[in-house]
């Protein structure tokens, strides 16, 4: 051409080529199994699920973005109800799926249980469902001992202090059971122990359940009918003898000497006598009893 005088000039243009990815790589996990730990006192997070869980999907979730994903807790867990969680996990990019991997979650104890006293005897027992120091119970008498009683801080056994001679009467001990968690997290319970010091047998007669008994009896009651069971108790389980001491001059009533049954011995007549006041004794045969 005339413009180039027979010498062609080159022309240049920038060409951008985008190489599109072909989804030919499936997601994969770095390990075949994962071990995790979670405290039972950990707060729960909002549910965010981007991978598939075959179980416990209402308890755990995965963060939605990033190269590193994190398993999160959706709701509180309780070690005393379930100590471990094991489930399978799979990742998907919407087209291809990874192989399944195993996830093991171990729940670490938090001091969320208070020691609880059981039945009270000479040895107190308090149970704490936590583990380690959180579940190790220590006992202490807070009040009422007045130097007369001591308690084993590990076993909870209450004994008389050395050199002490107890007087007859009642003692009320206030006892605390506490776990051994750090002081700011420590939990405790308090109970009252009632101790009755009884006199020697020659000063401890049999006892009736009640001091006074009130009966209403029809005058038509048949002879031989049982009116009352006056069963006393004796601390040493000695045989007890029963006797009507006064109030039955006409011998209207019969009292079994060995078992304490009060029976009607003669017919009743309200117009003649409308009330009887009987004094009954129970004896174990010992002096003063």
Protein backbone atom coordinates (compact mmCIF):
# COMPACT_ATOMS: atom_id res chain seq x y z
CA UNK A 1 0.00 0.00 0.00
CA UNK A 2 1.07 3.57 -0.51
CA UNK A 3 0.92 4.27 3.20
CA UNK A 4 3.62 1.71 4.08
CA UNK A 5 5.67 2.19 0.96
CA UNK A 6 5.72 -1.52 0.36
CA UNK A 7 6.78 -2.30 3.95
CA UNK A 8 3.82 -3.74 6.04
CA UNK A 9 3.62 -2.54 9.65
CA UNK A 10 2.62 -5.01 12.44
CA UNK A 11 -0.45 -4.43 14.67
CA UNK A 12 -0.60 -5.53 18.39
CA UNK A 13 -3.50 -6.44 20.69
CA UNK A 14 -3.61 -7.89 24.28
CA UNK A 15 -5.45 -11.21 24.51
CA UNK A 16 -6.56 -12.42 28.00
CA UNK A 17 -7.38 -16.11 28.29
CA UNK A 18 -9.20 -17.37 31.43
CA UNK A 19 -8.71 -21.04 32.20
CA UNK A 20 -11.89 -22.23 33.86
CA UNK A 21 -11.63 -24.74 36.67
CA UNK A 22 -13.08 -28.15 36.10
CA UNK A 23 -14.52 -29.60 39.31
CA UNK A 24 -12.42 -32.73 39.13
CA UNK A 25 -11.12 -32.66 42.71
CA UNK A 26 -13.26 -33.85 45.61
CA UNK A 27 -12.92 -32.18 49.01
CA UNK A 28 -10.79 -34.14 51.40
CA UNK A 29 -9.88 -34.13 55.07
CA UNK A 30 -6.30 -34.00 56.23
CA UNK A 31 -6.81 -36.86 58.72
CA UNK A 32 -8.98 -39.94 58.90
CA UNK A 33 -10.08 -39.18 62.46
CA UNK A 34 -10.19 -36.15 64.74
CA UNK A 35 -10.06 -35.87 68.54
CA UNK A 36 -11.61 -32.85 70.26
CA UNK A 37 -12.24 -31.68 73.82
CA UNK A 38 -15.02 -29.51 75.18
CA UNK A 39 -15.78 -28.38 78.71
CA UNK A 40 -19.32 -29.05 79.86
CA UNK A 41 -19.43 -25.40 80.98
CA UNK A 42 -18.62 -24.04 77.49
CA UNK A 43 -21.25 -21.64 76.10
CA UNK A 44 -23.21 -22.72 73.06
CA UNK A 45 -22.86 -21.09 69.61
CA UNK A 46 -25.33 -20.35 66.80
CA UNK A 47 -25.96 -23.35 64.50
CA UNK A 48 -23.89 -23.07 61.25
CA UNK A 49 -23.76 -26.27 59.21
CA UNK A 50 -21.82 -26.56 55.94
CA UNK A 51 -20.75 -30.21 56.17
CA UNK A 52 -22.84 -33.25 56.80
CA UNK A 53 -22.91 -35.00 60.19
CA UNK A 54 -24.46 -38.44 60.46
CA UNK A 55 -25.45 -37.86 64.14
CA UNK A 56 -25.45 -35.21 66.88
CA UNK A 57 -26.11 -32.50 64.28
CA UNK A 58 -28.26 -30.74 66.86
CA UNK A 59 -25.28 -30.50 69.23
CA UNK A 60 -22.35 -29.58 66.94
CA UNK A 61 -21.90 -27.39 63.83
CA UNK A 62 -19.07 -26.31 61.49
CA UNK A 63 -17.96 -22.76 60.72
CA UNK A 64 -19.11 -21.86 57.17
CA UNK A 65 -16.00 -20.29 55.57
CA UNK A 66 -12.23 -20.35 55.52
CA UNK A 67 -9.57 -22.93 54.75
CA UNK A 68 -9.67 -24.02 58.38
CA UNK A 69 -13.11 -25.00 59.62
CA UNK A 70 -14.02 -25.29 63.29
CA UNK A 71 -16.49 -27.58 64.98
CA UNK A 72 -18.72 -25.54 67.28
CA UNK A 73 -21.03 -26.42 70.12
CA UNK A 74 -24.73 -25.71 69.54
CA UNK A 75 -26.08 -26.42 73.02
CA UNK A 76 -24.65 -27.27 76.46
CA UNK A 77 -23.41 -30.78 77.15
CA UNK A 78 -23.44 -32.63 80.47
CA UNK A 79 -20.52 -34.95 81.26
CA UNK A 80 -22.52 -36.72 83.97
CA UNK A 81 -25.06 -37.78 81.31
CA UNK A 82 -22.69 -38.41 78.37
CA UNK A 83 -18.89 -38.29 78.53
CA UNK A 84 -18.05 -38.77 74.83
CA UNK A 85 -19.56 -38.11 71.41
CA UNK A 86 -18.44 -40.08 68.34
CA UNK A 87 -19.84 -39.34 64.91
CA UNK A 88 -18.94 -39.41 61.18
CA UNK A 89 -18.35 -36.24 59.15
CA UNK A 90 -18.27 -35.57 55.40
CA UNK A 91 -17.48 -32.43 53.36
CA UNK A 92 -19.11 -31.51 50.03
CA UNK A 93 -18.53 -28.71 47.48
CA UNK A 94 -22.00 -29.18 46.08
CA UNK A 95 -20.92 -31.67 43.44
CA UNK A 96 -18.40 -34.04 44.90
CA UNK A 97 -18.11 -35.40 48.39
CA UNK A 98 -15.18 -36.32 50.59
CA UNK A 99 -14.76 -39.64 52.30
CA UNK A 100 -16.25 -39.91 55.75
CA UNK A 101 -13.99 -39.28 58.76
CA UNK A 102 -14.50 -40.06 62.44
CA UNK A 103 -14.78 -37.32 65.06
CA UNK A 104 -14.39 -38.09 68.78
CA UNK A 105 -15.36 -35.40 71.30
CA UNK A 106 -14.45 -35.87 74.98
CA UNK A 107 -16.44 -33.78 77.47
CA UNK A 108 -14.23 -32.32 80.21
CA UNK A 109 -15.70 -32.03 83.70
CA UNK A 110 -16.81 -28.69 85.12
CA UNK A 111 -17.72 -28.26 88.78
CA UNK A 112 -21.47 -28.12 88.18
CA UNK A 113 -22.63 -30.57 90.88
CA UNK A 114 -23.06 -29.87 94.59
CA UNK A 115 -22.25 -32.57 97.18
CA UNK A 116 -25.52 -34.14 98.37
CA UNK A 117 -25.96 -35.82 101.74
CA UNK A 118 -27.45 -39.30 101.92
CA UNK A 119 -29.04 -40.94 104.93
CA UNK A 120 -27.58 -39.62 108.17
CA UNK A 121 -26.05 -42.06 110.69
CA UNK A 122 -22.84 -41.94 112.71
CA UNK A 123 -21.07 -41.69 109.35
CA UNK A 124 -22.20 -39.02 106.90
CA UNK A 125 -21.99 -39.72 103.20
CA UNK A 126 -22.21 -36.98 100.58
CA UNK A 127 -22.05 -37.79 96.87
CA UNK A 128 -20.72 -35.50 94.14
CA UNK A 129 -21.13 -36.57 90.51
CA UNK A 130 -18.15 -34.52 89.31
CA UNK A 131 -14.71 -36.09 88.79
CA UNK A 132 -11.27 -35.37 90.20
CA UNK A 133 -11.02 -32.65 92.84
CA UNK A 134 -14.45 -31.42 91.76
CA UNK A 135 -15.91 -34.64 93.14
CA UNK A 136 -13.67 -35.08 96.21
CA UNK A 137 -15.79 -34.28 99.30
CA UNK A 138 -14.45 -32.84 102.57
CA UNK A 139 -16.53 -32.73 105.78
CA UNK A 140 -16.54 -30.11 108.53
CA UNK A 141 -18.60 -29.48 111.71
CA UNK A 142 -19.68 -25.83 111.61
CA UNK A 143 -21.61 -25.59 114.89
CA UNK A 144 -23.01 -27.57 117.82
CA UNK A 145 -20.01 -29.78 118.60
CA UNK A 146 -18.76 -27.55 121.45
CA UNK A 147 -15.61 -29.64 121.52
CA UNK A 148 -17.54 -32.84 122.29
CA UNK A 149 -17.54 -34.31 118.79
CA UNK A 150 -15.09 -34.54 115.91
CA UNK A 151 -15.61 -35.55 112.29
CA UNK A 152 -13.23 -37.29 109.91
CA UNK A 153 -12.91 -34.77 107.10
CA UNK A 154 -12.50 -37.52 104.48
CA UNK A 155 -14.90 -40.27 105.62
CA UNK A 156 -17.55 -38.15 107.37
CA UNK A 157 -17.51 -40.38 110.49
CA UNK A 158 -18.54 -38.55 113.67
CA UNK A 159 -16.94 -39.66 116.95
CA UNK A 160 -16.70 -38.43 120.53
CA UNK A 161 -13.66 -36.24 121.09
CA UNK A 162 -10.87 -37.84 123.15
CA UNK A 163 -11.28 -37.39 126.91
CA UNK A 164 -14.92 -36.26 126.67
CA UNK A 165 -17.65 -37.77 128.88
CA UNK A 166 -20.99 -36.84 127.38
CA UNK A 167 -23.96 -35.82 129.47
CA UNK A 168 -27.42 -37.25 128.88
CA UNK A 169 -29.27 -35.02 126.44
CA UNK A 170 -29.53 -33.87 122.83
CA UNK A 171 -26.86 -32.45 120.53
CA UNK A 172 -27.53 -30.77 117.18
CA UNK A 173 -24.51 -30.63 114.87
CA UNK A 174 -24.37 -28.48 111.74
CA UNK A 175 -22.18 -30.28 109.18
CA UNK A 176 -20.92 -29.03 105.82
CA UNK A 177 -19.79 -31.14 102.88
CA UNK A 178 -17.74 -29.28 100.26
CA UNK A 179 -15.91 -30.37 97.12
CA UNK A 180 -12.25 -29.49 96.50
CA UNK A 181 -12.60 -27.37 93.38
CA UNK A 182 -10.78 -24.00 93.30
CA UNK A 183 -12.29 -21.83 96.03
CA UNK A 184 -14.13 -19.51 93.64
CA UNK A 185 -15.85 -22.53 92.03
CA UNK A 186 -16.34 -24.58 95.20
CA UNK A 187 -19.79 -26.02 95.98
CA UNK A 188 -21.13 -27.25 99.32
CA UNK A 189 -24.18 -28.56 101.19
CA UNK A 190 -25.15 -28.28 104.85
CA UNK A 191 -27.15 -30.72 106.97
CA UNK A 192 -28.06 -31.09 110.66
CA UNK A 193 -27.15 -34.21 112.64
CA UNK A 194 -29.28 -34.90 115.73
CA UNK A 195 -27.54 -36.93 118.45
CA UNK A 196 -29.33 -38.22 121.55
CA UNK A 197 -27.20 -39.38 124.46
CA UNK A 198 -29.15 -41.96 126.50
CA UNK A 199 -28.61 -42.83 130.16
CA UNK A 200 -27.40 -46.25 131.31
CA UNK A 201 -29.97 -49.02 131.22
CA UNK A 202 -30.81 -48.74 134.93
CA UNK A 203 -31.83 -45.16 134.24
CA UNK A 204 -33.49 -45.79 130.89
CA UNK A 205 -36.93 -47.41 131.33
CA UNK A 206 -39.08 -48.67 128.47
CA UNK A 207 -40.95 -45.96 126.61
CA UNK A 208 -44.48 -45.75 125.27
CA UNK A 209 -44.94 -44.00 121.91
CA UNK A 210 -47.35 -41.56 123.61
CA UNK A 211 -47.73 -40.30 127.16
CA UNK A 212 -51.53 -40.07 126.94
CA UNK A 213 -54.06 -42.16 125.02
CA UNK A 214 -57.67 -41.04 124.51
CA UNK A 215 -60.27 -43.68 123.56
CA UNK A 216 -63.96 -43.52 122.81
CA UNK A 217 -65.62 -46.91 123.28
CA UNK A 218 -69.23 -47.91 122.74
CA UNK A 219 -70.96 -49.48 125.76
CA UNK A 220 -72.12 -52.16 123.33
CA UNK A 221 -68.51 -53.30 122.79
CA UNK A 222 -68.20 -57.07 123.16
CA UNK A 223 -66.19 -58.62 125.96
CA UNK A 224 -62.69 -59.63 124.84
CA UNK A 225 -62.44 -56.92 122.20
CA UNK A 226 -59.00 -55.31 121.75
CA UNK A 227 -59.19 -51.65 122.76
CA UNK A 228 -55.56 -50.57 122.39
CA UNK A 229 -52.06 -51.88 121.69
CA UNK A 230 -49.83 -50.33 124.35
CA UNK A 231 -46.54 -51.48 122.83
CA UNK A 232 -43.53 -49.90 124.54
CA UNK A 233 -39.90 -50.05 123.35
CA UNK A 234 -36.74 -50.79 125.31
CA UNK A 235 -33.30 -49.59 124.22
CA UNK A 236 -31.64 -52.90 125.13
CA UNK A 237 -34.56 -54.99 123.82
CA UNK A 238 -35.13 -56.48 127.29
CA UNK A 239 -38.47 -58.28 127.86
CA UNK A 240 -41.18 -55.82 128.93
CA UNK A 241 -43.94 -56.48 131.48
CA UNK A 242 -47.16 -54.43 131.40
CA UNK A 243 -49.46 -53.67 134.35
CA UNK A 244 -52.50 -51.54 135.14
CA UNK A 245 -51.31 -49.54 138.14
CA UNK A 246 -54.55 -47.72 139.01
CA UNK A 247 -57.94 -46.63 137.72
CA UNK A 248 -59.59 -50.05 137.31
CA UNK A 249 -60.94 -50.97 140.73
CA UNK A 250 -63.77 -53.01 139.24
CA UNK A 251 -61.34 -54.84 136.91
CA UNK A 252 -63.32 -53.93 133.80
CA UNK A 253 -60.19 -54.16 131.65
CA UNK A 254 -57.58 -56.82 131.04
CA UNK A 255 -54.00 -55.97 130.07
CA UNK A 256 -51.73 -58.58 128.51
CA UNK A 257 -48.60 -58.62 130.65
CA UNK A 258 -46.23 -59.58 127.84
CA UNK A 259 -47.49 -57.84 124.69
CA UNK A 260 -49.38 -54.82 126.04
CA UNK A 261 -52.82 -55.45 124.54
CA UNK A 262 -55.65 -53.75 126.47
CA UNK A 263 -58.84 -55.84 126.31
CA UNK A 264 -62.39 -55.33 127.51
CA UNK A 265 -62.99 -57.74 130.42
CA UNK A 266 -66.51 -56.81 131.55
CA UNK A 267 -69.56 -55.13 129.97
CA UNK A 268 -69.61 -51.33 129.93
CA UNK A 269 -72.50 -49.29 131.35
CA UNK A 270 -72.34 -45.58 130.59
CA UNK A 271 -75.09 -44.76 133.07
CA UNK A 272 -72.95 -46.26 135.85
CA UNK A 273 -69.48 -45.09 134.75
CA UNK A 274 -68.94 -42.83 131.73
CA UNK A 275 -65.18 -42.46 131.98
CA UNK A 276 -62.11 -44.42 133.12
CA UNK A 277 -58.61 -43.09 133.80
CA UNK A 278 -56.06 -45.87 133.80
CA UNK A 279 -52.40 -45.62 134.76
CA UNK A 280 -50.37 -48.29 132.91
CA UNK A 281 -46.71 -49.14 133.50
CA UNK A 282 -44.14 -50.96 131.36
CA UNK A 283 -41.08 -52.44 133.08
CA UNK A 284 -37.96 -54.21 131.79
CA UNK A 285 -37.25 -55.69 135.24
CA UNK A 286 -34.15 -53.58 135.87
CA UNK A 287 -33.91 -51.13 138.77
CA UNK A 288 -35.37 -47.83 137.67
CA UNK A 289 -36.91 -49.51 134.61
